[in-house]
Structure formats: C-alpha cells, structure tokens
C-alpha cells in the first residue's frame, strides 16, 4: 500500500505521519546493508551496523467522517482505522539517529493451499476455527482492496535462529489471529534503500 501523490495530492495523504507500535530491534551489519542496498549513492558505502525496527501507522478517524454534508464517496475513499507497516533503521548508539525508513506496505493473510482453492493448513478447522473471519475485513484505500487485513499489528521481530540472513516477524490480523513469517534481511534492506527506478509508477 502506498499513499503516493497520484492517489492523495497535496496534504491529503491519509496515514498518520508518525509510526508507532511494532517491534524492535534486529541488528544489520555493514555487510548485510551493502548486500541489499539498491541505491547508487550508498551502494557499498555502509561502514557501520544499524538497528532495524518495524512499526505501523493508520488512517486516523477525522470529525468529518460523521458529517452528513461530506460526500460518502470521500469517506469510502479513505476509510479510517486501516493499517500499514514500515521498517526503520537507526544508529545503535546515542543519539540513535534515524538513517532510513521504508515506504508503506501491508502484511498479508496466510496463502491459500497448494491448489489455490482453499485455506492454508493453519486456518480453519479445530486448530484455528475463526481465522477465516480475518478475510472479511480487507485493507482498503483509494477504492482499491488489498489482499491484507484491515488491521495488522506486529508484536515480534527477531533474527532467525541458526540463520542470521533471515528474520522472523510475528503479527496479528484484525485482532483475531496471529501469524509468523520469515523475511530475508536482503529484502528488508531493499525496502529501506530502494532502487530509485523501482519508485516509478506506470
């Protein structure tokens, strides 16, 4: 999910600017940062490690949501209490200066089964009978529905045991059920330091 100017021009970006919640921190060495950095400016130039955390922000409720004179179309375009996630990187020593932050993205549902026509093994049944309900509340912005829950709240972020090239993120979906996902450190660095050409929208 991305609140770029073509969607919300001027000062109409819907998401609360400051991130909060989430989990911290995983250490990224200079070597790991150089491996995934997609920018020409910083490519191979990282000399020190950084700490990386993950937070969320959301569309906050505004007084005009309750006003009858505001077009329903405007309310539907920017529904409130919809969450997106971001990574941030900072120095591991005082004053802990922020060095990078990623764009917004959403954390998804568990993928469907191998046939693509049913729930993942971790959903439904006796183990997690109510998890299917999380798919009834999707992330929605600018009249586009994403395959992500409306609310996603990260509660854990750690380096994977026995494999320092990966991290494990634990998060809740619509305050109903939880999920763990593995994410490569290289992918996180790519999000923190993207190739500018990846930022061009057709």
C-alpha atoms as a PDB file:
ATOM      1  CA  UNK A   1       0.000   0.000   0.000  1.00  0.00           C
ATOM      2  CA  UNK A   2       1.378   3.409  -0.855  1.00  0.00           C
ATOM      3  CA  UNK A   3      -0.059   6.886  -0.359  1.00  0.00           C
ATOM      4  CA  UNK A   4       1.676   8.426  -3.353  1.00  0.00           C
ATOM      5  CA  UNK A   5       0.711  11.820  -4.853  1.00  0.00           C
ATOM      6  CA  UNK A   6      -1.414  10.404  -7.663  1.00  0.00           C
ATOM      7  CA  UNK A   7      -3.766   8.945  -5.062  1.00  0.00           C
ATOM      8  CA  UNK A   8      -3.848  11.698  -2.464  1.00  0.00           C
ATOM      9  CA  UNK A   9      -2.488  15.005  -3.808  1.00  0.00           C
ATOM     10  CA  UNK A  10      -1.292  17.870  -1.652  1.00  0.00           C
ATOM     11  CA  UNK A  11      -1.887  17.458   2.065  1.00  0.00           C
ATOM     12  CA  UNK A  12      -4.432  14.667   1.673  1.00  0.00           C
ATOM     13  CA  UNK A  13      -2.095  11.759   2.483  1.00  0.00           C
ATOM     14  CA  UNK A  14      -4.324   9.672   4.747  1.00  0.00           C
ATOM     15  CA  UNK A  15      -1.877   7.925   7.036  1.00  0.00           C
ATOM     16  CA  UNK A  16      -0.726   9.319  10.352  1.00  0.00           C
ATOM     17  CA  UNK A  17       2.814  10.543   9.732  1.00  0.00           C
ATOM     18  CA  UNK A  18       4.498   9.150  12.846  1.00  0.00           C
ATOM     19  CA  UNK A  19       4.832   5.389  13.209  1.00  0.00           C
ATOM     20  CA  UNK A  20       4.180   3.631  16.489  1.00  0.00           C
ATOM     21  CA  UNK A  21       3.750   0.180  17.982  1.00  0.00           C
ATOM     22  CA  UNK A  22       5.563  -2.653  16.282  1.00  0.00           C
ATOM     23  CA  UNK A  23       8.728  -4.341  17.485  1.00  0.00           C
ATOM     24  CA  UNK A  24      12.455  -3.696  17.707  1.00  0.00           C
ATOM     25  CA  UNK A  25      15.255  -4.456  17.036  1.00  0.00           C
ATOM     26  CA  UNK A  26      17.371  -6.615  14.748  1.00  0.00           C
ATOM     27  CA  UNK A  27      21.000  -5.725  14.074  1.00  0.00           C
ATOM     28  CA  UNK A  28      22.099  -5.443  10.434  1.00  0.00           C
ATOM     29  CA  UNK A  29      25.835  -5.499   9.808  1.00  0.00           C
ATOM     30  CA  UNK A  30      27.519  -3.176   7.306  1.00  0.00           C
ATOM     31  CA  UNK A  31      27.997  -6.195   5.032  1.00  0.00           C
ATOM     32  CA  UNK A  32      24.275  -7.039   5.148  1.00  0.00           C
ATOM     33  CA  UNK A  33      23.331  -3.419   4.457  1.00  0.00           C
ATOM     34  CA  UNK A  34      25.642  -3.255   1.440  1.00  0.00           C
ATOM     35  CA  UNK A  35      24.267  -6.526   0.088  1.00  0.00           C
ATOM     36  CA  UNK A  36      20.677  -5.296  -0.293  1.00  0.00           C
ATOM     37  CA  UNK A  37      21.139  -1.551  -0.848  1.00  0.00           C
ATOM     38  CA  UNK A  38      19.655  -0.648  -4.228  1.00  0.00           C
ATOM     39  CA  UNK A  39      20.775   2.996  -4.338  1.00  0.00           C
ATOM     40  CA  UNK A  40      23.787   4.184  -6.294  1.00  0.00           C
ATOM     41  CA  UNK A  41      24.633   6.734  -3.588  1.00  0.00           C
ATOM     42  CA  UNK A  42      25.016   4.245  -0.741  1.00  0.00           C
ATOM     43  CA  UNK A  43      25.920   1.084  -2.670  1.00  0.00           C
ATOM     44  CA  UNK A  44      28.882  -0.488  -0.876  1.00  0.00           C
ATOM     45  CA  UNK A  45      29.321   2.577   1.346  1.00  0.00           C
ATOM     46  CA  UNK A  46      27.878   1.309   4.623  1.00  0.00           C
ATOM     47  CA  UNK A  47      30.659   1.138   7.211  1.00  0.00           C
ATOM     48  CA  UNK A  48      28.735   0.534  10.443  1.00  0.00           C
ATOM     49  CA  UNK A  49      25.880  -1.658  11.569  1.00  0.00           C
ATOM     50  CA  UNK A  50      22.358  -0.334  12.094  1.00  0.00           C
ATOM     51  CA  UNK A  51      19.433  -1.460  14.211  1.00  0.00           C
ATOM     52  CA  UNK A  52      16.197  -2.091  12.333  1.00  0.00           C
ATOM     53  CA  UNK A  53      12.697  -1.989  13.781  1.00  0.00           C
ATOM     54  CA  UNK A  54       9.219  -2.349  12.363  1.00  0.00           C
ATOM     55  CA  UNK A  55       6.236  -0.126  13.136  1.00  0.00           C
ATOM     56  CA  UNK A  56       2.788   0.695  11.837  1.00  0.00           C
ATOM     57  CA  UNK A  57       0.645   3.683  11.096  1.00  0.00           C
ATOM     58  CA  UNK A  58      -3.009   4.042  10.188  1.00  0.00           C
ATOM     59  CA  UNK A  59      -5.693   6.275   8.761  1.00  0.00           C
ATOM     60  CA  UNK A  60      -6.900   8.162  11.806  1.00  0.00           C
ATOM     61  CA  UNK A  61     -10.557   8.943  12.404  1.00  0.00           C
ATOM     62  CA  UNK A  62     -11.471  12.519  11.464  1.00  0.00           C
ATOM     63  CA  UNK A  63     -14.500  14.552  12.603  1.00  0.00           C
ATOM     64  CA  UNK A  64     -15.841  14.824   9.046  1.00  0.00           C
ATOM     65  CA  UNK A  65     -16.484  11.068   8.906  1.00  0.00           C
ATOM     66  CA  UNK A  66     -19.640  11.749  10.924  1.00  0.00           C
ATOM     67  CA  UNK A  67     -20.865  14.741   8.926  1.00  0.00           C
ATOM     68  CA  UNK A  68     -23.752  14.242   6.531  1.00  0.00           C
ATOM     69  CA  UNK A  69     -22.619  17.091   4.285  1.00  0.00           C
ATOM     70  CA  UNK A  70     -19.396  15.227   3.408  1.00  0.00           C
ATOM     71  CA  UNK A  71     -19.833  13.037   0.341  1.00  0.00           C
ATOM     72  CA  UNK A  72     -19.907   9.324   1.070  1.00  0.00           C
ATOM     73  CA  UNK A  73     -17.535   8.880  -1.856  1.00  0.00           C
ATOM     74  CA  UNK A  74     -14.857  10.821   0.049  1.00  0.00           C
ATOM     75  CA  UNK A  75     -15.400   8.732   3.181  1.00  0.00           C
ATOM     76  CA  UNK A  76     -15.225   5.490   1.202  1.00  0.00           C
ATOM     77  CA  UNK A  77     -12.007   6.550  -0.499  1.00  0.00           C
ATOM     78  CA  UNK A  78     -10.140   6.930   2.797  1.00  0.00           C
ATOM     79  CA  UNK A  79     -11.737   4.585   5.342  1.00  0.00           C
ATOM     80  CA  UNK A  80     -10.321   5.092   8.819  1.00  0.00           C
ATOM     81  CA  UNK A  81      -8.606   2.563  11.107  1.00  0.00           C
ATOM     82  CA  UNK A  82      -6.819   0.873   8.216  1.00  0.00           C
ATOM     83  CA  UNK A  83      -3.193  -0.059   9.000  1.00  0.00           C
ATOM     84  CA  UNK A  84       0.041  -0.151   7.003  1.00  0.00           C
ATOM     85  CA  UNK A  85       3.540  -1.159   8.099  1.00  0.00           C
ATOM     86  CA  UNK A  86       7.064   0.204   7.609  1.00  0.00           C
ATOM     87  CA  UNK A  87      10.677  -0.581   8.520  1.00  0.00           C
ATOM     88  CA  UNK A  88      13.055   1.989  10.029  1.00  0.00           C
ATOM     89  CA  UNK A  89      16.821   1.850  10.617  1.00  0.00           C
ATOM     90  CA  UNK A  90      18.835   3.846  13.149  1.00  0.00           C
ATOM     91  CA  UNK A  91      22.264   4.125  14.743  1.00  0.00           C
ATOM     92  CA  UNK A  92      22.918   1.655  17.578  1.00  0.00           C
ATOM     93  CA  UNK A  93      24.373   4.381  19.806  1.00  0.00           C
ATOM     94  CA  UNK A  94      23.136   7.749  21.198  1.00  0.00           C
ATOM     95  CA  UNK A  95      21.503   9.872  19.893  1.00  0.00           C
ATOM     96  CA  UNK A  96      20.094   6.926  17.876  1.00  0.00           C
ATOM     97  CA  UNK A  97      19.674   8.938  14.689  1.00  0.00           C
ATOM     98  CA  UNK A  98      17.226   7.575  12.133  1.00  0.00           C
ATOM     99  CA  UNK A  99      19.120   6.647   8.952  1.00  0.00           C
ATOM    100  CA  UNK A 100      16.388   5.229   6.737  1.00  0.00           C
ATOM    101  CA  UNK A 101      12.744   4.277   6.650  1.00  0.00           C
ATOM    102  CA  UNK A 102      10.885   2.241   4.113  1.00  0.00           C
ATOM    103  CA  UNK A 103       7.700   3.071   2.270  1.00  0.00           C
ATOM    104  CA  UNK A 104       4.398   1.657   3.462  1.00  0.00           C
ATOM    105  CA  UNK A 105       3.466  -1.950   2.836  1.00  0.00           C
ATOM    106  CA  UNK A 106       0.852  -4.339   4.166  1.00  0.00           C
ATOM    107  CA  UNK A 107       1.289  -7.700   5.857  1.00  0.00           C
ATOM    108  CA  UNK A 108      -0.842 -10.334   4.189  1.00  0.00           C
ATOM    109  CA  UNK A 109      -3.047 -13.253   5.027  1.00  0.00           C
ATOM    110  CA  UNK A 110      -1.718 -16.791   5.077  1.00  0.00           C
ATOM    111  CA  UNK A 111      -1.507 -18.006   1.458  1.00  0.00           C
ATOM    112  CA  UNK A 112      -4.097 -20.430   0.146  1.00  0.00           C
ATOM    113  CA  UNK A 113      -3.297 -24.127  -0.143  1.00  0.00           C
ATOM    114  CA  UNK A 114      -1.176 -25.544  -2.942  1.00  0.00           C
ATOM    115  CA  UNK A 115      -4.189 -25.842  -5.236  1.00  0.00           C
ATOM    116  CA  UNK A 116      -5.127 -22.203  -4.683  1.00  0.00           C
ATOM    117  CA  UNK A 117      -8.735 -23.109  -3.951  1.00  0.00           C
ATOM    118  CA  UNK A 118      -8.833 -23.448  -0.196  1.00  0.00           C
ATOM    119  CA  UNK A 119      -7.491 -22.191   3.118  1.00  0.00           C
ATOM    120  CA  UNK A 120      -3.937 -22.661   4.306  1.00  0.00           C
ATOM    121  CA  UNK A 121      -3.433 -25.621   6.686  1.00  0.00           C
ATOM    122  CA  UNK A 122      -3.027 -23.186   9.583  1.00  0.00           C
ATOM    123  CA  UNK A 123      -6.516 -21.701   9.073  1.00  0.00           C
ATOM    124  CA  UNK A 124      -9.926 -23.094   9.926  1.00  0.00           C
ATOM    125  CA  UNK A 125     -10.665 -26.456  11.484  1.00  0.00           C
ATOM    126  CA  UNK A 126     -10.247 -27.221  15.159  1.00  0.00           C
ATOM    127  CA  UNK A 127      -6.838 -25.513  15.342  1.00  0.00           C
ATOM    128  CA  UNK A 128      -7.972 -22.022  14.334  1.00  0.00           C
ATOM    129  CA  UNK A 129     -11.716 -22.078  13.545  1.00  0.00           C
ATOM    130  CA  UNK A 130     -12.252 -18.301  13.471  1.00  0.00           C
ATOM    131  CA  UNK A 131      -9.231 -17.264  11.391  1.00  0.00           C
ATOM    132  CA  UNK A 132     -11.329 -17.220   8.213  1.00  0.00           C
ATOM    133  CA  UNK A 133     -13.142 -14.194   9.630  1.00  0.00           C
ATOM    134  CA  UNK A 134      -9.995 -12.077   9.202  1.00  0.00           C
ATOM    135  CA  UNK A 135     -10.502 -12.249   5.435  1.00  0.00           C
ATOM    136  CA  UNK A 136     -13.826 -10.432   5.763  1.00  0.00           C
ATOM    137  CA  UNK A 137     -12.059  -7.160   6.666  1.00  0.00           C
ATOM    138  CA  UNK A 138      -9.529  -6.235   3.987  1.00  0.00           C
ATOM    139  CA  UNK A 139      -7.203  -3.249   3.707  1.00  0.00           C
ATOM    140  CA  UNK A 140      -8.963  -0.672   1.515  1.00  0.00           C
ATOM    141  CA  UNK A 141      -7.621   2.653   0.240  1.00  0.00           C
ATOM    142  CA  UNK A 142      -8.497   4.812  -2.766  1.00  0.00           C
ATOM    143  CA  UNK A 143     -11.204   2.300  -3.736  1.00  0.00           C
ATOM    144  CA  UNK A 144      -8.605  -0.466  -4.087  1.00  0.00           C
ATOM    145  CA  UNK A 145      -8.853  -3.615  -1.968  1.00  0.00           C
ATOM    146  CA  UNK A 146      -5.590  -5.308  -0.986  1.00  0.00           C
ATOM    147  CA  UNK A 147      -5.127  -8.945  -0.010  1.00  0.00           C
ATOM    148  CA  UNK A 148      -4.213  -7.872   3.508  1.00  0.00           C
ATOM    149  CA  UNK A 149      -6.179  -7.488   6.747  1.00  0.00           C
ATOM    150  CA  UNK A 150      -7.600  -4.100   7.640  1.00  0.00           C
ATOM    151  CA  UNK A 151      -5.616  -4.209  10.897  1.00  0.00           C
ATOM    152  CA  UNK A 152      -2.148  -5.728  11.136  1.00  0.00           C
ATOM    153  CA  UNK A 153      -0.169  -5.273  14.339  1.00  0.00           C
ATOM    154  CA  UNK A 154       3.431  -6.502  14.610  1.00  0.00           C
ATOM    155  CA  UNK A 155       4.323  -7.816  18.062  1.00  0.00           C
ATOM    156  CA  UNK A 156       7.674  -9.549  17.472  1.00  0.00           C
ATOM    157  CA  UNK A 157      10.699  -9.106  15.218  1.00  0.00           C
ATOM    158  CA  UNK A 158      13.832 -11.178  15.662  1.00  0.00           C
ATOM    159  CA  UNK A 159      16.728 -12.721  13.804  1.00  0.00           C
ATOM    160  CA  UNK A 160      16.078 -16.322  12.830  1.00  0.00           C
ATOM    161  CA  UNK A 161      17.910 -18.853  14.972  1.00  0.00           C
ATOM    162  CA  UNK A 162      20.720 -20.646  13.122  1.00  0.00           C
ATOM    163  CA  UNK A 163      20.281 -18.423  10.029  1.00  0.00           C
ATOM    164  CA  UNK A 164      21.360 -14.810  10.509  1.00  0.00           C
ATOM    165  CA  UNK A 165      20.429 -13.924   6.908  1.00  0.00           C
ATOM    166  CA  UNK A 166      16.718 -14.109   7.799  1.00  0.00           C
ATOM    167  CA  UNK A 167      14.316 -12.514  10.272  1.00  0.00           C
ATOM    168  CA  UNK A 168      11.032 -13.691  11.746  1.00  0.00           C
ATOM    169  CA  UNK A 169       8.080 -11.296  12.070  1.00  0.00           C
ATOM    170  CA  UNK A 170       5.083 -12.101  14.226  1.00  0.00           C
ATOM    171  CA  UNK A 171       1.881 -10.130  13.731  1.00  0.00           C
ATOM    172  CA  UNK A 172      -1.822 -10.155  14.450  1.00  0.00           C
ATOM    173  CA  UNK A 173      -4.534  -9.993  11.787  1.00  0.00           C
ATOM    174  CA  UNK A 174      -7.637  -7.920  12.574  1.00  0.00           C
ATOM    175  CA  UNK A 175      -7.111  -8.510  16.314  1.00  0.00           C
ATOM    176  CA  UNK A 176      -8.301 -12.062  15.718  1.00  0.00           C
ATOM    177  CA  UNK A 177      -5.447 -14.442  14.923  1.00  0.00           C
ATOM    178  CA  UNK A 178      -1.666 -14.430  14.637  1.00  0.00           C
ATOM    179  CA  UNK A 179       0.910 -15.315  12.018  1.00  0.00           C
ATOM    180  CA  UNK A 180       4.692 -15.780  11.756  1.00  0.00           C
ATOM    181  CA  UNK A 181       6.595 -15.058   8.535  1.00  0.00           C
ATOM    182  CA  UNK A 182      10.251 -15.320   7.529  1.00  0.00           C
ATOM    183  CA  UNK A 183      11.749 -12.349   5.698  1.00  0.00           C
ATOM    184  CA  UNK A 184      15.234 -12.183   4.200  1.00  0.00           C
ATOM    185  CA  UNK A 185      17.414  -9.377   5.565  1.00  0.00           C
ATOM    186  CA  UNK A 186      18.336  -8.533   1.988  1.00  0.00           C
ATOM    187  CA  UNK A 187      14.663  -7.870   1.214  1.00  0.00           C
ATOM    188  CA  UNK A 188      14.336  -5.567   4.236  1.00  0.00           C
ATOM    189  CA  UNK A 189      17.400  -3.584   3.137  1.00  0.00           C
ATOM    190  CA  UNK A 190      15.920  -3.331  -0.359  1.00  0.00           C
ATOM    191  CA  UNK A 191      12.807  -1.738   1.170  1.00  0.00           C
ATOM    192  CA  UNK A 192      14.900   0.650   3.278  1.00  0.00           C
ATOM    193  CA  UNK A 193      17.177   1.651   0.388  1.00  0.00           C
ATOM    194  CA  UNK A 194      15.207   1.048  -2.828  1.00  0.00           C
ATOM    195  CA  UNK A 195      16.485   1.479  -6.336  1.00  0.00           C
ATOM    196  CA  UNK A 196      15.005   4.836  -7.499  1.00  0.00           C
ATOM    197  CA  UNK A 197      13.801   3.141 -10.684  1.00  0.00           C
ATOM    198  CA  UNK A 198      11.564   0.925  -8.545  1.00  0.00           C
ATOM    199  CA  UNK A 199       9.719   4.063  -7.429  1.00  0.00           C
ATOM    200  CA  UNK A 200       8.443   4.933 -10.928  1.00  0.00           C
ATOM    201  CA  UNK A 201       4.732   4.198 -11.341  1.00  0.00           C
ATOM    202  CA  UNK A 202       3.198   3.435 -14.719  1.00  0.00           C
END
